Amino acid sequence: GTREALNLGFTNDILNTIQEQRSNIKNLVIEDMTKSTLPDASYDAVVCVEVIEHVKEDDAFVKNISKVINKGGWAYFTTPNGDYIKNEGPDSNPDHVRHYSKIELKTLL
């Protein structure tokens, strides 16, 4: 499929490599946040680097991330800037569901 062709996803080998190179990483949680089973208010921070543009159910994704963040915690998102980058033409990315404009992302969040 597309994930394999683009070498996407996360494996135990990748986690082992990260832990060997970065001794400060104790645990890493990988979960489908559209169907999260994590307890509410259980994390101080959530990091989503170049993820949300791949998620079909982006509203459930954001809702569940907000639920697991402690009061005073934060979420950090990065995504291609849809105001400048379009997912079309010969350079389109088949794994991206959408690219968000600034207004679209602010509205979703």
PDB file of N, CA and C in Angstrom:
ATOM      1  N   GLY A   1       0.806  -1.180   0.000  1.00  0.00           N
ATOM      2  CA  GLY A   1       0.000   0.000   0.000  1.00  0.00           C
ATOM      3  C   GLY A   1       0.857   1.255   0.000  1.00  0.00           C
ATOM      4  N   THR A   2       0.194   2.368   0.127  1.00  0.00           N
ATOM      5  CA  THR A   2       0.859   3.675   0.108  1.00  0.00           C
ATOM      6  C   THR A   2       1.845   3.820   1.255  1.00  0.00           C
ATOM      7  N   ARG A   3       1.452   3.368   2.456  1.00  0.00           N
ATOM      8  CA  ARG A   3       2.352   3.501   3.621  1.00  0.00           C
ATOM      9  C   ARG A   3       3.676   2.791   3.386  1.00  0.00           C
ATOM     10  N   GLU A   4       3.610   1.580   2.858  1.00  0.00           N
ATOM     11  CA  GLU A   4       4.833   0.821   2.611  1.00  0.00           C
ATOM     12  C   GLU A   4       5.658   1.461   1.498  1.00  0.00           C
ATOM     13  N   ALA A   5       4.983   1.911   0.440  1.00  0.00           N
ATOM     14  CA  ALA A   5       5.686   2.523  -0.689  1.00  0.00           C
ATOM     15  C   ALA A   5       6.417   3.799  -0.278  1.00  0.00           C
ATOM     16  N   LEU A   6       5.829   4.544   0.657  1.00  0.00           N
ATOM     17  CA  LEU A   6       6.434   5.794   1.108  1.00  0.00           C
ATOM     18  C   LEU A   6       7.276   5.622   2.374  1.00  0.00           C
ATOM     19  N   ASN A   7       7.414   4.381   2.845  1.00  0.00           N
ATOM     20  CA  ASN A   7       8.187   4.069   4.047  1.00  0.00           C
ATOM     21  C   ASN A   7       7.668   4.854   5.255  1.00  0.00           C
ATOM     22  N   LEU A   8       6.346   4.802   5.456  1.00  0.00           N
ATOM     23  CA  LEU A   8       5.708   5.510   6.564  1.00  0.00           C
ATOM     24  C   LEU A   8       5.346   4.528   7.666  1.00  0.00           C
ATOM     25  N   GLY A   9       5.116   5.043   8.836  1.00  0.00           N
ATOM     26  CA  GLY A   9       4.710   4.200   9.950  1.00  0.00           C
ATOM     27  C   GLY A   9       5.788   4.137  11.013  1.00  0.00           C
ATOM     28  N   PHE A  10       5.542   3.350  12.031  1.00  0.00           N
ATOM     29  CA  PHE A  10       6.447   3.259  13.165  1.00  0.00           C
ATOM     30  C   PHE A  10       6.646   1.801  13.520  1.00  0.00           C
ATOM     31  N   THR A  11       7.880   1.416  13.799  1.00  0.00           N
ATOM     32  CA  THR A  11       8.189   0.028  14.118  1.00  0.00           C
ATOM     33  C   THR A  11       8.991  -0.031  15.419  1.00  0.00           C
ATOM     34  N   ASN A  12       9.109  -1.237  15.976  1.00  0.00           N
ATOM     35  CA  ASN A  12       9.952  -1.423  17.165  1.00  0.00           C
ATOM     36  C   ASN A  12      11.409  -1.112  16.848  1.00  0.00           C
ATOM     37  N   ASP A  13      11.855  -1.391  15.635  1.00  0.00           N
ATOM     38  CA  ASP A  13      13.235  -1.065  15.253  1.00  0.00           C
ATOM     39  C   ASP A  13      13.483   0.439  15.328  1.00  0.00           C
ATOM     40  N   ILE A  14      12.511   1.229  14.867  1.00  0.00           N
ATOM     41  CA  ILE A  14      12.652   2.681  14.936  1.00  0.00           C
ATOM     42  C   ILE A  14      12.699   3.133  16.392  1.00  0.00           C
ATOM     43  N   LEU A  15      11.808   2.593  17.245  1.00  0.00           N
ATOM     44  CA  LEU A  15      11.818   2.944  18.661  1.00  0.00           C
ATOM     45  C   LEU A  15      13.151   2.576  19.300  1.00  0.00           C
ATOM     46  N   ASN A  16      13.664   1.390  19.041  1.00  0.00           N
ATOM     47  CA  ASN A  16      14.948   0.968  19.609  1.00  0.00           C
ATOM     48  C   ASN A  16      16.074   1.905  19.194  1.00  0.00           C
ATOM     49  N   THR A  17      16.077   2.310  17.934  1.00  0.00           N
ATOM     50  CA  THR A  17      17.107   3.229  17.450  1.00  0.00           C
ATOM     51  C   THR A  17      17.009   4.578  18.163  1.00  0.00           C
ATOM     52  N   ILE A  18      15.800   5.090  18.319  1.00  0.00           N
ATOM     53  CA  ILE A  18      15.603   6.368  19.013  1.00  0.00           C
ATOM     54  C   ILE A  18      16.092   6.267  20.451  1.00  0.00           C
ATOM     55  N   GLN A  19      15.730   5.187  21.139  1.00  0.00           N
ATOM     56  CA  GLN A  19      16.127   5.035  22.538  1.00  0.00           C
ATOM     57  C   GLN A  19      17.637   4.875  22.678  1.00  0.00           C
ATOM     58  N   GLU A  20      18.287   4.244  21.716  1.00  0.00           N
ATOM     59  CA  GLU A  20      19.744   4.112  21.758  1.00  0.00           C
ATOM     60  C   GLU A  20      20.429   5.461  21.550  1.00  0.00           C
ATOM     61  N   GLN A  21      19.857   6.288  20.679  1.00  0.00           N
ATOM     62  CA  GLN A  21      20.477   7.565  20.346  1.00  0.00           C
ATOM     63  C   GLN A  21      20.095   8.664  21.321  1.00  0.00           C
ATOM     64  N   ARG A  22      18.928   8.559  21.976  1.00  0.00           N
ATOM     65  CA  ARG A  22      18.415   9.597  22.861  1.00  0.00           C
ATOM     66  C   ARG A  22      18.079   8.986  24.204  1.00  0.00           C
ATOM     67  N   SER A  23      18.997   8.981  25.122  1.00  0.00           N
ATOM     68  CA  SER A  23      18.808   8.309  26.402  1.00  0.00           C
ATOM     69  C   SER A  23      17.727   8.963  27.269  1.00  0.00           C
ATOM     70  N   ASN A  24      17.310  10.181  26.931  1.00  0.00           N
ATOM     71  CA  ASN A  24      16.288  10.850  27.743  1.00  0.00           C
ATOM     72  C   ASN A  24      14.870  10.409  27.388  1.00  0.00           C
ATOM     73  N   ILE A  25      14.703   9.618  26.344  1.00  0.00           N
ATOM     74  CA  ILE A  25      13.377   9.132  25.973  1.00  0.00           C
ATOM     75  C   ILE A  25      13.126   7.822  26.698  1.00  0.00           C
ATOM     76  N   LYS A  26      12.182   7.849  27.619  1.00  0.00           N
ATOM     77  CA  LYS A  26      11.870   6.673  28.420  1.00  0.00           C
ATOM     78  C   LYS A  26      10.728   5.862  27.828  1.00  0.00           C
ATOM     79  N   ASN A  27       9.729   6.564  27.290  1.00  0.00           N
ATOM     80  CA  ASN A  27       8.554   5.884  26.780  1.00  0.00           C
ATOM     81  C   ASN A  27       7.994   6.697  25.630  1.00  0.00           C
ATOM     82  N   LEU A  28       7.410   6.009  24.704  1.00  0.00           N
ATOM     83  CA  LEU A  28       6.805   6.641  23.552  1.00  0.00           C
ATOM     84  C   LEU A  28       5.476   5.952  23.304  1.00  0.00           C
ATOM     85  N   VAL A  29       4.405   6.729  23.205  1.00  0.00           N
ATOM     86  CA  VAL A  29       3.080   6.163  22.995  1.00  0.00           C
ATOM     87  C   VAL A  29       2.681   6.415  21.548  1.00  0.00           C
ATOM     88  N   ILE A  30       2.376   5.363  20.835  1.00  0.00           N
ATOM     89  CA  ILE A  30       1.879   5.463  19.468  1.00  0.00           C
ATOM     90  C   ILE A  30       0.473   4.883  19.491  1.00  0.00           C
ATOM     91  N   GLU A  31      -0.512   5.721  19.188  1.00  0.00           N
ATOM     92  CA  GLU A  31      -1.887   5.257  19.232  1.00  0.00           C
ATOM     93  C   GLU A  31      -2.700   6.006  18.183  1.00  0.00           C
ATOM     94  N   ASP A  32      -3.738   5.371  17.673  1.00  0.00           N
ATOM     95  CA  ASP A  32      -4.675   6.014  16.764  1.00  0.00           C
ATOM     96  C   ASP A  32      -5.541   6.955  17.587  1.00  0.00           C
ATOM     97  N   MET A  33      -5.255   8.234  17.506  1.00  0.00           N
ATOM     98  CA  MET A  33      -5.955   9.193  18.354  1.00  0.00           C
ATOM     99  C   MET A  33      -7.388   9.458  17.898  1.00  0.00           C
ATOM    100  N   THR A  34      -7.800   8.925  16.783  1.00  0.00           N
ATOM    101  CA  THR A  34      -9.222   9.030  16.418  1.00  0.00           C
ATOM    102  C   THR A  34     -10.048   8.038  17.219  1.00  0.00           C
ATOM    103  N   LYS A  35      -9.381   7.043  17.821  1.00  0.00           N
ATOM    104  CA  LYS A  35     -10.048   6.017  18.631  1.00  0.00           C
ATOM    105  C   LYS A  35      -9.304   5.834  19.955  1.00  0.00           C
ATOM    106  N   SER A  36      -8.852   6.903  20.528  1.00  0.00           N
ATOM    107  CA  SER A  36      -7.977   6.855  21.695  1.00  0.00           C
ATOM    108  C   SER A  36      -8.585   6.103  22.871  1.00  0.00           C
ATOM    109  N   THR A  37      -7.739   5.330  23.534  1.00  0.00           N
ATOM    110  CA  THR A  37      -8.105   4.649  24.776  1.00  0.00           C
ATOM    111  C   THR A  37      -7.321   5.217  25.966  1.00  0.00           C
ATOM    112  N   LEU A  38      -6.574   6.283  25.733  1.00  0.00           N
ATOM    113  CA  LEU A  38      -5.764   6.880  26.792  1.00  0.00           C
ATOM    114  C   LEU A  38      -6.655   7.606  27.789  1.00  0.00           C
ATOM    115  N   PRO A  39      -6.277   7.603  29.058  1.00  0.00           N
ATOM    116  CA  PRO A  39      -7.090   8.284  30.068  1.00  0.00           C
ATOM    117  C   PRO A  39      -7.096   9.803  29.871  1.00  0.00           C
ATOM    118  N   ASP A  40      -8.215  10.427  30.206  1.00  0.00           N
ATOM    119  CA  ASP A  40      -8.324  11.882  30.132  1.00  0.00           C
ATOM    120  C   ASP A  40      -7.296  12.527  31.052  1.00  0.00           C
ATOM    121  N   ALA A  41      -6.831  13.710  30.645  1.00  0.00           N
ATOM    122  CA  ALA A  41      -5.912  14.527  31.443  1.00  0.00           C
ATOM    123  C   ALA A  41      -4.727  13.724  31.965  1.00  0.00           C
ATOM    124  N   SER A  42      -4.107  12.966  31.087  1.00  0.00           N
ATOM    125  CA  SER A  42      -3.018  12.085  31.514  1.00  0.00           C
ATOM    126  C   SER A  42      -1.644  12.484  30.973  1.00  0.00           C
ATOM    127  N   TYR A  43      -1.572  13.540  30.155  1.00  0.00           N
ATOM    128  CA  TYR A  43      -0.292  13.966  29.573  1.00  0.00           C
ATOM    129  C   TYR A  43      -0.136  15.469  29.672  1.00  0.00           C
ATOM    130  N   ASP A  44       1.106  15.899  29.895  1.00  0.00           N
ATOM    131  CA  ASP A  44       1.406  17.326  29.940  1.00  0.00           C
ATOM    132  C   ASP A  44       1.561  17.910  28.548  1.00  0.00           C
ATOM    133  N   ALA A  45       1.936  17.070  27.599  1.00  0.00           N
ATOM    134  CA  ALA A  45       2.174  17.556  26.238  1.00  0.00           C
ATOM    135  C   ALA A  45       1.924  16.447  25.232  1.00  0.00           C
ATOM    136  N   VAL A  46       1.490  16.869  24.049  1.00  0.00           N
ATOM    137  CA  VAL A  46       1.311  15.953  22.921  1.00  0.00           C
ATOM    138  C   VAL A  46       1.990  16.595  21.723  1.00  0.00           C
ATOM    139  N   VAL A  47       2.799  15.820  21.009  1.00  0.00           N
ATOM    140  CA  VAL A  47       3.508  16.307  19.837  1.00  0.00           C
ATOM    141  C   VAL A  47       3.035  15.533  18.609  1.00  0.00           C
ATOM    142  N   CYS A  48       2.603  16.263  17.591  1.00  0.00           N
ATOM    143  CA  CYS A  48       2.148  15.672  16.326  1.00  0.00           C
ATOM    144  C   CYS A  48       2.895  16.351  15.188  1.00  0.00           C
ATOM    145  N   VAL A  49       3.986  15.767  14.769  1.00  0.00           N
ATOM    146  CA  VAL A  49       4.808  16.349  13.718  1.00  0.00           C
ATOM    147  C   VAL A  49       4.440  15.713  12.387  1.00  0.00           C
ATOM    148  N   GLU A  50       3.889  16.537  11.500  1.00  0.00           N
ATOM    149  CA  GLU A  50       3.511  16.108  10.152  1.00  0.00           C
ATOM    150  C   GLU A  50       2.602  14.877  10.194  1.00  0.00           C
ATOM    151  N   VAL A  51       1.540  14.968  11.009  1.00  0.00           N
ATOM    152  CA  VAL A  51       0.592  13.866  11.174  1.00  0.00           C
ATOM    153  C   VAL A  51      -0.807  14.239  10.690  1.00  0.00           C
ATOM    154  N   ILE A  52      -1.314  15.382  11.130  1.00  0.00           N
ATOM    155  CA  ILE A  52      -2.728  15.693  10.948  1.00  0.00           C
ATOM    156  C   ILE A  52      -3.166  15.699   9.480  1.00  0.00           C
ATOM    157  N   GLU A  53      -2.268  16.012   8.568  1.00  0.00           N
ATOM    158  CA  GLU A  53      -2.635  16.019   7.143  1.00  0.00           C
ATOM    159  C   GLU A  53      -2.905  14.610   6.601  1.00  0.00           C
ATOM    160  N   HIS A  54      -2.566  13.596   7.381  1.00  0.00           N
ATOM    161  CA  HIS A  54      -2.793  12.201   6.993  1.00  0.00           C
ATOM    162  C   HIS A  54      -4.093  11.636   7.570  1.00  0.00           C
ATOM    163  N   VAL A  55      -4.758  12.372   8.449  1.00  0.00           N
ATOM    164  CA  VAL A  55      -5.876  11.855   9.231  1.00  0.00           C
ATOM    165  C   VAL A  55      -7.213  12.222   8.583  1.00  0.00           C
ATOM    166  N   LYS A  56      -7.989  11.207   8.220  1.00  0.00           N
ATOM    167  CA  LYS A  56      -9.311  11.455   7.633  1.00  0.00           C
ATOM    168  C   LYS A  56     -10.261  12.063   8.652  1.00  0.00           C
ATOM    169  N   GLU A  57     -10.309  11.517   9.856  1.00  0.00           N
ATOM    170  CA  GLU A  57     -11.224  11.974  10.912  1.00  0.00           C
ATOM    171  C   GLU A  57     -10.519  13.000  11.789  1.00  0.00           C
ATOM    172  N   ASP A  58     -10.138  14.133  11.191  1.00  0.00           N
ATOM    173  CA  ASP A  58      -9.349  15.127  11.913  1.00  0.00           C
ATOM    174  C   ASP A  58     -10.075  15.718  13.116  1.00  0.00           C
ATOM    175  N   ASP A  59     -11.404  15.809  13.063  1.00  0.00           N
ATOM    176  CA  ASP A  59     -12.150  16.346  14.207  1.00  0.00           C
ATOM    177  C   ASP A  59     -12.046  15.422  15.423  1.00  0.00           C
ATOM    178  N   ALA A  60     -12.158  14.107  15.230  1.00  0.00           N
ATOM    179  CA  ALA A  60     -12.000  13.138  16.327  1.00  0.00           C
ATOM    180  C   ALA A  60     -10.560  13.130  16.834  1.00  0.00           C
ATOM    181  N   PHE A  61      -9.618  13.252  15.929  1.00  0.00           N
ATOM    182  CA  PHE A  61      -8.190  13.293  16.262  1.00  0.00           C
ATOM    183  C   PHE A  61      -7.904  14.444  17.228  1.00  0.00           C
ATOM    184  N   VAL A  62      -8.345  15.647  16.866  1.00  0.00           N
ATOM    185  CA  VAL A  62      -8.094  16.829  17.699  1.00  0.00           C
ATOM    186  C   VAL A  62      -8.872  16.741  19.013  1.00  0.00           C
ATOM    187  N   LYS A  63     -10.104  16.291  18.964  1.00  0.00           N
ATOM    188  CA  LYS A  63     -10.914  16.170  20.180  1.00  0.00           C
ATOM    189  C   LYS A  63     -10.242  15.237  21.190  1.00  0.00           C
ATOM    190  N   ASN A  64      -9.767  14.089  20.728  1.00  0.00           N
ATOM    191  CA  ASN A  64      -9.141  13.126  21.637  1.00  0.00           C
ATOM    192  C   ASN A  64      -7.797  13.605  22.148  1.00  0.00           C
ATOM    193  N   ILE A  65      -7.062  14.327  21.345  1.00  0.00           N
ATOM    194  CA  ILE A  65      -5.808  14.908  21.836  1.00  0.00           C
ATOM    195  C   ILE A  65      -6.105  15.912  22.935  1.00  0.00           C
ATOM    196  N   SER A  66      -7.108  16.753  22.730  1.00  0.00           N
ATOM    197  CA  SER A  66      -7.428  17.747  23.763  1.00  0.00           C
ATOM    198  C   SER A  66      -7.885  17.082  25.061  1.00  0.00           C
ATOM    199  N   LYS A  67      -8.532  15.929  24.963  1.00  0.00           N
ATOM    200  CA  LYS A  67      -9.007  15.224  26.167  1.00  0.00           C
ATOM    201  C   LYS A  67      -7.861  14.680  27.008  1.00  0.00           C
ATOM    202  N   VAL A  68      -6.765  14.247  26.390  1.00  0.00           N
ATOM    203  CA  VAL A  68      -5.690  13.609  27.163  1.00  0.00           C
ATOM    204  C   VAL A  68      -4.696  14.606  27.747  1.00  0.00           C
ATOM    205  N   ILE A  69      -4.826  15.874  27.396  1.00  0.00           N
ATOM    206  CA  ILE A  69      -3.889  16.884  27.890  1.00  0.00           C
ATOM    207  C   ILE A  69      -4.355  17.405  29.253  1.00  0.00           C
ATOM    208  N   ASN A  70      -3.423  17.432  30.200  1.00  0.00           N
ATOM    209  CA  ASN A  70      -3.683  18.002  31.520  1.00  0.00           C
ATOM    210  C   ASN A  70      -3.994  19.486  31.415  1.00  0.00           C
ATOM    211  N   LYS A  71      -4.715  20.017  32.397  1.00  0.00           N
ATOM    212  CA  LYS A  71      -4.938  21.462  32.463  1.00  0.00           C
ATOM    213  C   LYS A  71      -3.569  22.147  32.513  1.00  0.00           C
ATOM    214  N   GLY A  72      -3.390  23.131  31.670  1.00  0.00           N
ATOM    215  CA  GLY A  72      -2.096  23.818  31.596  1.00  0.00           C
ATOM    216  C   GLY A  72      -1.117  23.140  30.654  1.00  0.00           C
ATOM    217  N   GLY A  73      -1.495  22.006  30.098  1.00  0.00           N
ATOM    218  CA  GLY A  73      -0.625  21.306  29.151  1.00  0.00           C
ATOM    219  C   GLY A  73      -0.730  21.914  27.761  1.00  0.00           C
ATOM    220  N   TRP A  74      -0.079  21.293  26.800  1.00  0.00           N
ATOM    221  CA  TRP A  74      -0.066  21.849  25.457  1.00  0.00           C
ATOM    222  C   TRP A  74       0.035  20.762  24.397  1.00  0.00           C
ATOM    223  N   ALA A  75      -0.334  21.146  23.186  1.00  0.00           N
ATOM    224  CA  ALA A  75      -0.174  20.275  22.011  1.00  0.00           C
ATOM    225  C   ALA A  75       0.613  21.056  20.972  1.00  0.00           C
ATOM    226  N   TYR A  76       1.515  20.367  20.306  1.00  0.00           N
ATOM    227  CA  TYR A  76       2.350  20.977  19.271  1.00  0.00           C
ATOM    228  C   TYR A  76       2.070  20.244  17.967  1.00  0.00           C
ATOM    229  N   PHE A  77       1.608  20.973  16.964  1.00  0.00           N
ATOM    230  CA  PHE A  77       1.300  20.412  15.653  1.00  0.00           C
ATOM    231  C   PHE A  77       2.189  21.069  14.601  1.00  0.00           C
ATOM    232  N   THR A  78       2.673  20.273  13.671  1.00  0.00           N
ATOM    233  CA  THR A  78       3.232  20.831  12.442  1.00  0.00           C
ATOM    234  C   THR A  78       2.506  20.156  11.290  1.00  0.00           C
ATOM    235  N   THR A  79       2.359  20.900  10.200  1.00  0.00           N
ATOM    236  CA  THR A  79       1.682  20.391   9.017  1.00  0.00           C
ATOM    237  C   THR A  79       2.083  21.270   7.844  1.00  0.00           C
ATOM    238  N   PRO A  80       2.053  20.758   6.613  1.00  0.00           N
ATOM    239  CA  PRO A  80       2.342  21.629   5.472  1.00  0.00           C
ATOM    240  C   PRO A  80       1.378  22.817   5.451  1.00  0.00           C
ATOM    241  N   ASN A  81       1.871  23.962   5.077  1.00  0.00           N
ATOM    242  CA  ASN A  81       1.064  25.180   5.047  1.00  0.00           C
ATOM    243  C   ASN A  81       0.229  25.222   3.771  1.00  0.00           C
ATOM    244  N   GLY A  82      -1.061  24.921   3.909  1.00  0.00           N
ATOM    245  CA  GLY A  82      -1.968  24.868   2.774  1.00  0.00           C
ATOM    246  C   GLY A  82      -2.228  26.209   2.112  1.00  0.00           C
ATOM    247  N   ASP A  83      -1.798  27.306   2.755  1.00  0.00           N
ATOM    248  CA  ASP A  83      -1.896  28.605   2.096  1.00  0.00           C
ATOM    249  C   ASP A  83      -0.893  28.720   0.959  1.00  0.00           C
ATOM    250  N   TYR A  84       0.168  27.911   0.992  1.00  0.00           N
ATOM    251  CA  TYR A  84       1.226  27.991  -0.008  1.00  0.00           C
ATOM    252  C   TYR A  84       1.473  26.678  -0.739  1.00  0.00           C
ATOM    253  N   ILE A  85       1.241  25.556  -0.062  1.00  0.00           N
ATOM    254  CA  ILE A  85       1.519  24.242  -0.643  1.00  0.00           C
ATOM    255  C   ILE A  85       0.195  23.584  -0.991  1.00  0.00           C
ATOM    256  N   LYS A  86       0.054  23.166  -2.213  1.00  0.00           N
ATOM    257  CA  LYS A  86      -1.157  22.477  -2.652  1.00  0.00           C
ATOM    258  C   LYS A  86      -0.816  21.016  -2.905  1.00  0.00           C
ATOM    259  N   ASN A  87      -1.726  20.147  -2.568  1.00  0.00           N
ATOM    260  CA  ASN A  87      -1.513  18.715  -2.768  1.00  0.00           C
ATOM    261  C   ASN A  87      -2.123  18.314  -4.109  1.00  0.00           C
ATOM    262  N   GLU A  88      -1.500  18.798  -5.166  1.00  0.00           N
ATOM    263  CA  GLU A  88      -2.016  18.536  -6.509  1.00  0.00           C
ATOM    264  C   GLU A  88      -0.857  18.528  -7.500  1.00  0.00           C
ATOM    265  N   GLY A  89      -1.160  18.123  -8.704  1.00  0.00           N
ATOM    266  CA  GLY A  89      -0.151  18.107  -9.756  1.00  0.00           C
ATOM    267  C   GLY A  89       0.819  16.951  -9.610  1.00  0.00           C
ATOM    268  N   PRO A  90       1.930  17.030 -10.333  1.00  0.00           N
ATOM    269  CA  PRO A  90       2.873  15.904 -10.340  1.00  0.00           C
ATOM    270  C   PRO A  90       3.586  15.683  -9.013  1.00  0.00           C
ATOM    271  N   ASP A  91       3.607  16.705  -8.150  1.00  0.00           N
ATOM    272  CA  ASP A  91       4.292  16.582  -6.857  1.00  0.00           C
ATOM    273  C   ASP A  91       3.339  16.299  -5.710  1.00  0.00           C
ATOM    274  N   SER A  92       2.104  15.863  -6.004  1.00  0.00           N
ATOM    275  CA  SER A  92       1.146  15.602  -4.931  1.00  0.00           C
ATOM    276  C   SER A  92       1.593  14.422  -4.087  1.00  0.00           C
ATOM    277  N   ASN A  93       1.175  14.422  -2.844  1.00  0.00           N
ATOM    278  CA  ASN A  93       1.508  13.342  -1.923  1.00  0.00           C
ATOM    279  C   ASN A  93       0.269  12.474  -1.743  1.00  0.00           C
ATOM    280  N   PRO A  94       0.298  11.226  -2.224  1.00  0.00           N
ATOM    281  CA  PRO A  94      -0.904  10.381  -2.157  1.00  0.00           C
ATOM    282  C   PRO A  94      -1.334  10.020  -0.744  1.00  0.00           C
ATOM    283  N   ASP A  95      -0.467  10.233   0.235  1.00  0.00           N
ATOM    284  CA  ASP A  95      -0.790   9.879   1.612  1.00  0.00           C
ATOM    285  C   ASP A  95      -1.404  11.051   2.392  1.00  0.00           C
ATOM    286  N   HIS A  96      -1.423  12.245   1.806  1.00  0.00           N
ATOM    287  CA  HIS A  96      -2.016  13.404   2.479  1.00  0.00           C
ATOM    288  C   HIS A  96      -3.497  13.478   2.148  1.00  0.00           C
ATOM    289  N   VAL A  97      -4.319  13.540   3.189  1.00  0.00           N
ATOM    290  CA  VAL A  97      -5.760  13.674   3.023  1.00  0.00           C
ATOM    291  C   VAL A  97      -6.104  15.104   2.635  1.00  0.00           C
ATOM    292  N   ARG A  98      -5.396  16.067   3.245  1.00  0.00           N
ATOM    293  CA  ARG A  98      -5.649  17.478   2.974  1.00  0.00           C
ATOM    294  C   ARG A  98      -4.439  18.291   3.417  1.00  0.00           C
ATOM    295  N   HIS A  99      -4.373  19.521   2.941  1.00  0.00           N
ATOM    296  CA  HIS A  99      -3.442  20.522   3.448  1.00  0.00           C
ATOM    297  C   HIS A  99      -4.286  21.663   3.990  1.00  0.00           C
ATOM    298  N   TYR A 100      -3.992  22.089   5.193  1.00  0.00           N
ATOM    299  CA  TYR A 100      -4.784  23.102   5.889  1.00  0.00           C
ATOM    300  C   TYR A 100      -4.261  24.502   5.606  1.00  0.00           C
ATOM    301  N   SER A 101      -5.170  25.407   5.301  1.00  0.00           N
ATOM    302  CA  SER A 101      -4.818  26.819   5.329  1.00  0.00           C
ATOM    303  C   SER A 101      -4.761  27.221   6.805  1.00  0.00           C
ATOM    304  N   LYS A 102      -4.216  28.384   7.083  1.00  0.00           N
ATOM    305  CA  LYS A 102      -4.137  28.858   8.467  1.00  0.00           C
ATOM    306  C   LYS A 102      -5.535  28.947   9.080  1.00  0.00           C
ATOM    307  N   ILE A 103      -6.484  29.477   8.339  1.00  0.00           N
ATOM    308  CA  ILE A 103      -7.851  29.628   8.855  1.00  0.00           C
ATOM    309  C   ILE A 103      -8.495  28.262   9.090  1.00  0.00           C
ATOM    310  N   GLU A 104      -8.299  27.310   8.177  1.00  0.00           N
ATOM    311  CA  GLU A 104      -8.876  25.975   8.345  1.00  0.00           C
ATOM    312  C   GLU A 104      -8.325  25.291   9.588  1.00  0.00           C
ATOM    313  N   LEU A 105      -7.024  25.414   9.811  1.00  0.00           N
ATOM    314  CA  LEU A 105      -6.417  24.771  10.978  1.00  0.00           C
ATOM    315  C   LEU A 105      -6.876  25.447  12.269  1.00  0.00           C
ATOM    316  N   LYS A 106      -6.918  26.771  12.293  1.00  0.00           N
ATOM    317  CA  LYS A 106      -7.392  27.478  13.488  1.00  0.00           C
ATOM    318  C   LYS A 106      -8.842  27.109  13.789  1.00  0.00           C
ATOM    319  N   THR A 107      -9.675  26.988  12.750  1.00  0.00           N
ATOM    320  CA  THR A 107     -11.068  26.623  12.944  1.00  0.00           C
ATOM    321  C   THR A 107     -11.194  25.209  13.522  1.00  0.00           C
ATOM    322  N   LEU A 108     -10.399  24.293  13.005  1.00  0.00           N
ATOM    323  CA  LEU A 108     -10.423  22.922  13.509  1.00  0.00           C
ATOM    324  C   LEU A 108      -9.964  22.854  14.958  1.00  0.00           C
ATOM    325  N   LEU A 109      -8.887  23.548  15.266  1.00  0.00           N
ATOM    326  CA  LEU A 109      -8.341  23.506  16.623  1.00  0.00           C
ATOM    327  C   LEU A 109      -9.217  24.279  17.599  1.00  0.00           C
TER     328      LEU A 109
END
